[in-house]
Amino acid sequence: MRYGLEMKTLSTVISGEIKEEERRRKERAGVHLPCRITADGRVAVPIYGALRGYAEIALRASGEDVCDTGGKGTKGCGKCVLCDLYGSLGRRGRAIIDDMRSVENYDKVVKKVTHIKLNREEGNVSDALGAEEIQEGTVFTGNIVVLNPKERDTELINTGIEGINEFGLGGWLTRGRGRVELKIASVERRSWDTLVKEAREKAKELLGRE
C-alpha cells in the first residue's frame, strides 16, 4: 500500500539538521537551529518520530497495550500493533516512511531569524539565537509505503497524523511554531507482481534502444 502525503505549514516550523558537520558549518555562520536540506536543495522534515509517538500516546489513552519508545534506552516490545507497523530494535517494521520534502527550493521557503533573550531586571538583550524557520504556507509531499498491509494500518497512520495536526511538528511548539496540516492525499494498492511487470516493460524499452 502506498500512501501519498501532503503537508502545508500553518505557522513557521523549526525542524533541525542532524548531520554534525552541517550543523557546525551553520553554527559558524550564526545559525544554531538549521533546517535539514536535501542534496537537490529542498527542505526535508522527518515525520516518523512524531507519527509513531502521537499514536503511542493516543492508543495507550484508549486502553490499548502498546509501547512507549520515547524513553532513553527503550527498544520496543516487537509484539504490539505499532511495533508490527513501525518496527522495533532488531525487527524491521512494515512501514517505510519518507521525510516530507518541500515542493519549492530551500531559499524560497526558509528565512533566517534571530531570537533574543531579555534580561528581566535590566530590560536589555542578554543573548541571541539564530535559527532557520520554514515559512507559513510551505507545501511538502512524501510517501509511506506499507509492506503486507493489514486492516488497521490506515487507522494507525491516521492516528499519528491527527496528533501531528493537533499538537504540531518539530521544535518550539510551546512558542507557536510547528503548526501544520498533514493529510493522506492518495492511496495506491500495489502487488509484488507489479514489480515484475514494470521490470519487463523497462527491459523492453532498454532493449528497443539497441
Protein backbone atom coordinates (compact mmCIF):
# COMPACT_ATOMS: atom_id res chain seq x y z
CA MET A 1 0.00 0.00 0.00
CA ARG A 2 1.40 3.39 -0.99
CA TYR A 3 0.09 6.46 0.84
CA GLY A 4 0.81 9.77 -0.83
CA LEU A 5 1.13 12.52 1.79
CA GLU A 6 0.71 16.28 1.53
CA MET A 7 1.57 18.82 4.21
CA LYS A 8 1.16 22.59 4.44
CA THR A 9 2.70 24.70 7.20
CA LEU A 10 0.20 26.88 9.08
CA SER A 11 2.88 28.59 11.17
CA THR A 12 6.64 28.77 10.92
CA VAL A 13 8.32 25.41 11.57
CA ILE A 14 11.70 24.64 13.11
CA SER A 15 12.88 21.18 12.10
CA GLY A 16 16.58 20.71 12.72
CA GLU A 17 19.52 19.31 10.81
CA ILE A 18 21.01 16.10 12.21
CA LYS A 19 24.31 16.00 10.31
CA GLU A 20 27.01 17.20 12.72
CA GLU A 21 29.30 18.63 10.05
CA GLU A 22 26.45 20.63 8.56
CA ARG A 23 25.31 21.83 11.99
CA ARG A 24 28.82 23.04 12.84
CA ARG A 25 29.11 24.81 9.48
CA LYS A 26 25.82 26.61 10.06
CA GLU A 27 26.72 27.49 13.64
CA ARG A 28 29.89 29.23 12.40
CA ALA A 29 27.55 31.31 10.26
CA GLY A 30 25.43 32.20 13.29
CA VAL A 31 22.62 29.65 12.80
CA HIS A 32 22.17 27.45 15.86
CA LEU A 33 18.95 25.80 14.66
CA PRO A 34 19.45 25.00 10.95
CA CYS A 35 16.97 23.25 8.65
CA ARG A 36 17.74 19.94 7.02
CA ILE A 37 18.46 20.47 3.33
CA THR A 38 18.47 17.74 0.67
CA ALA A 39 21.17 17.38 -1.97
CA ASP A 40 18.88 18.96 -4.57
CA GLY A 41 18.14 21.98 -2.39
CA ARG A 42 14.76 21.10 -0.88
CA VAL A 43 13.82 21.20 2.80
CA ALA A 44 13.37 17.82 4.50
CA VAL A 45 11.13 17.41 7.55
CA PRO A 46 11.08 13.99 9.26
CA ILE A 47 7.70 12.73 10.49
CA TYR A 48 8.49 9.19 11.67
CA GLY A 49 9.07 10.04 15.34
CA ALA A 50 6.03 12.30 15.68
CA LEU A 51 3.81 9.91 13.72
CA ARG A 52 4.63 6.98 15.97
CA GLY A 53 4.87 9.00 19.17
CA TYR A 54 1.40 10.53 18.93
CA ALA A 55 -0.06 7.13 18.00
CA GLU A 56 1.56 5.57 21.09
CA ILE A 57 0.07 8.22 23.37
CA ALA A 58 -3.39 8.02 21.80
CA LEU A 59 -3.62 4.24 21.79
CA ARG A 60 -2.44 3.93 25.39
CA ALA A 61 -5.03 6.55 26.39
CA SER A 62 -7.72 4.43 24.74
CA GLY A 63 -6.65 1.43 26.84
CA GLU A 64 -4.58 -0.41 24.24
CA ASP A 65 -1.33 -2.07 25.28
CA VAL A 66 1.34 -0.51 23.04
CA CYS A 67 4.96 0.51 23.57
CA ASP A 68 6.37 3.83 24.74
CA THR A 69 9.51 4.18 22.61
CA GLY A 70 10.20 7.76 23.65
CA GLY A 71 12.23 6.96 26.76
CA LYS A 72 16.00 6.58 26.91
CA GLY A 73 17.09 3.06 26.03
CA THR A 74 13.62 1.86 25.03
CA LYS A 75 13.66 -0.74 22.28
CA GLY A 76 10.04 -1.61 21.62
CA CYS A 77 8.40 -4.89 22.53
CA GLY A 78 8.30 -6.20 18.96
CA LYS A 79 4.78 -7.54 19.52
CA CYS A 80 2.27 -4.66 19.74
CA VAL A 81 0.45 -3.26 16.70
CA LEU A 82 2.77 -0.24 16.48
CA CYS A 83 5.94 -2.34 16.65
CA ASP A 84 4.44 -4.51 13.94
CA LEU A 85 3.85 -1.47 11.73
CA TYR A 86 6.79 0.79 12.64
CA GLY A 87 9.35 -1.75 13.83
CA SER A 88 11.45 -2.34 16.95
CA LEU A 89 15.13 -2.86 17.68
CA GLY A 90 16.19 -5.94 15.76
CA ARG A 91 12.99 -6.19 13.77
CA ARG A 92 12.13 -4.03 10.77
CA GLY A 93 8.62 -2.63 10.60
CA ARG A 94 6.35 -2.87 7.60
CA ALA A 95 6.12 0.90 7.09
CA ILE A 96 8.75 2.72 5.01
CA ILE A 97 8.35 6.42 5.82
CA ASP A 98 9.82 9.23 3.75
CA ASP A 99 10.83 12.58 5.14
CA MET A 100 8.46 15.24 3.87
CA ARG A 101 10.16 17.29 1.13
CA SER A 102 9.31 20.86 0.20
CA VAL A 103 7.91 21.41 -3.28
CA GLU A 104 9.94 24.62 -3.62
CA ASN A 105 13.64 25.14 -3.02
CA TYR A 106 15.11 25.95 0.38
CA ASP A 107 15.98 29.55 -0.48
CA LYS A 108 12.32 30.32 -1.31
CA VAL A 109 10.68 28.87 1.81
CA VAL A 110 13.23 29.30 4.63
CA LYS A 111 14.24 32.52 6.38
CA LYS A 112 17.00 33.12 8.89
CA VAL A 113 15.69 34.74 12.07
CA THR A 114 17.21 35.89 15.34
CA HIS A 115 15.50 35.14 18.64
CA ILE A 116 16.60 37.31 21.55
CA LYS A 117 16.52 36.89 25.33
CA LEU A 118 15.81 39.87 27.53
CA ASN A 119 17.31 40.41 30.95
CA ARG A 120 14.25 40.57 33.18
CA GLU A 121 15.79 43.07 35.58
CA GLU A 122 17.68 45.34 33.20
CA GLY A 123 15.37 45.09 30.18
CA ASN A 124 18.25 44.71 27.76
CA VAL A 125 19.22 41.87 25.40
CA SER A 126 21.13 39.17 27.26
CA ASP A 127 21.54 36.60 24.50
CA ALA A 128 20.61 35.87 20.89
CA LEU A 129 19.92 32.68 18.97
CA GLY A 130 19.97 32.30 15.20
CA ALA A 131 17.52 29.90 13.56
CA GLU A 132 16.21 28.89 10.16
CA GLU A 133 12.40 28.86 10.05
CA ILE A 134 10.29 27.23 7.37
CA GLN A 135 7.71 29.83 6.44
CA GLU A 136 3.93 29.64 6.62
CA GLY A 137 2.22 28.21 3.55
CA THR A 138 5.11 25.94 2.53
CA VAL A 139 3.89 22.78 0.79
CA PHE A 140 5.55 19.39 1.32
CA THR A 141 5.00 15.95 -0.20
CA GLY A 142 6.09 12.47 0.82
CA ASN A 143 5.16 8.81 0.85
CA ILE A 144 4.55 5.98 3.25
CA VAL A 145 4.84 2.50 1.75
CA VAL A 146 3.44 -0.33 3.86
CA LEU A 147 4.51 -3.87 3.07
CA ASN A 148 1.99 -6.69 3.51
CA PRO A 149 -0.76 -4.25 4.59
CA LYS A 150 -3.17 -5.12 7.38
CA GLU A 151 -6.68 -3.93 8.18
CA ARG A 152 -5.71 -1.40 10.88
CA ASP A 153 -2.73 0.20 9.12
CA THR A 154 -4.62 3.20 7.73
CA GLU A 155 -6.27 3.81 11.10
CA LEU A 156 -2.91 3.69 12.92
CA ILE A 157 -1.23 6.04 10.45
CA ASN A 158 -4.15 8.46 10.62
CA THR A 159 -3.97 8.44 14.42
CA GLY A 160 -0.43 9.76 14.22
CA ILE A 161 -1.42 12.30 11.57
CA GLU A 162 -4.25 13.60 13.76
CA GLY A 163 -1.76 14.01 16.61
CA ILE A 164 0.61 15.98 14.39
CA ASN A 165 -2.22 18.23 13.19
CA GLU A 166 -3.45 18.80 16.74
CA PHE A 167 -0.16 19.39 18.55
CA GLY A 168 2.43 20.23 15.90
CA LEU A 169 5.72 19.07 14.45
CA GLY A 170 9.33 20.00 15.14
CA GLY A 171 10.68 22.31 17.82
CA TRP A 172 9.42 25.25 19.87
CA LEU A 173 5.82 24.05 19.82
CA THR A 174 5.03 25.99 23.01
CA ARG A 175 6.04 29.18 21.18
CA GLY A 176 3.51 28.64 18.41
CA ARG A 177 5.88 27.00 15.93
CA GLY A 178 5.22 23.73 14.15
CA ARG A 179 1.54 24.04 13.25
CA VAL A 180 0.88 22.03 10.09
CA GLU A 181 -1.89 20.42 8.10
CA LEU A 182 -0.85 16.90 7.12
CA LYS A 183 -3.10 14.51 5.21
CA ILE A 184 -3.18 11.35 3.15
CA ALA A 185 -3.83 12.65 -0.36
CA SER A 186 -3.82 9.34 -2.22
CA VAL A 187 -3.81 5.60 -1.63
CA GLU A 188 -2.49 3.10 -4.16
CA ARG A 189 -2.63 -0.67 -3.85
CA ARG A 190 0.28 -2.49 -5.44
CA SER A 191 1.38 -6.11 -5.53
CA TRP A 192 4.76 -7.79 -5.84
CA ASP A 193 3.99 -8.97 -9.37
CA THR A 194 3.66 -5.29 -10.32
CA LEU A 195 7.45 -5.06 -9.95
CA VAL A 196 7.88 -7.93 -12.42
CA LYS A 197 5.56 -6.28 -14.95
CA GLU A 198 7.30 -2.92 -14.61
CA ALA A 199 10.73 -4.54 -14.89
CA ARG A 200 9.61 -6.40 -18.03
CA GLU A 201 8.36 -3.19 -19.64
CA LYS A 202 11.58 -1.41 -18.70
CA ALA A 203 13.66 -4.21 -20.19
CA LYS A 204 11.71 -3.99 -23.48
CA GLU A 205 12.28 -0.25 -23.55
CA LEU A 206 16.01 -0.63 -22.91
CA LEU A 207 16.43 -3.40 -25.50
CA GLY A 208 14.48 -1.38 -28.02
CA ARG A 209 17.14 1.32 -27.88
CA GLU A 210 19.86 -1.04 -29.15
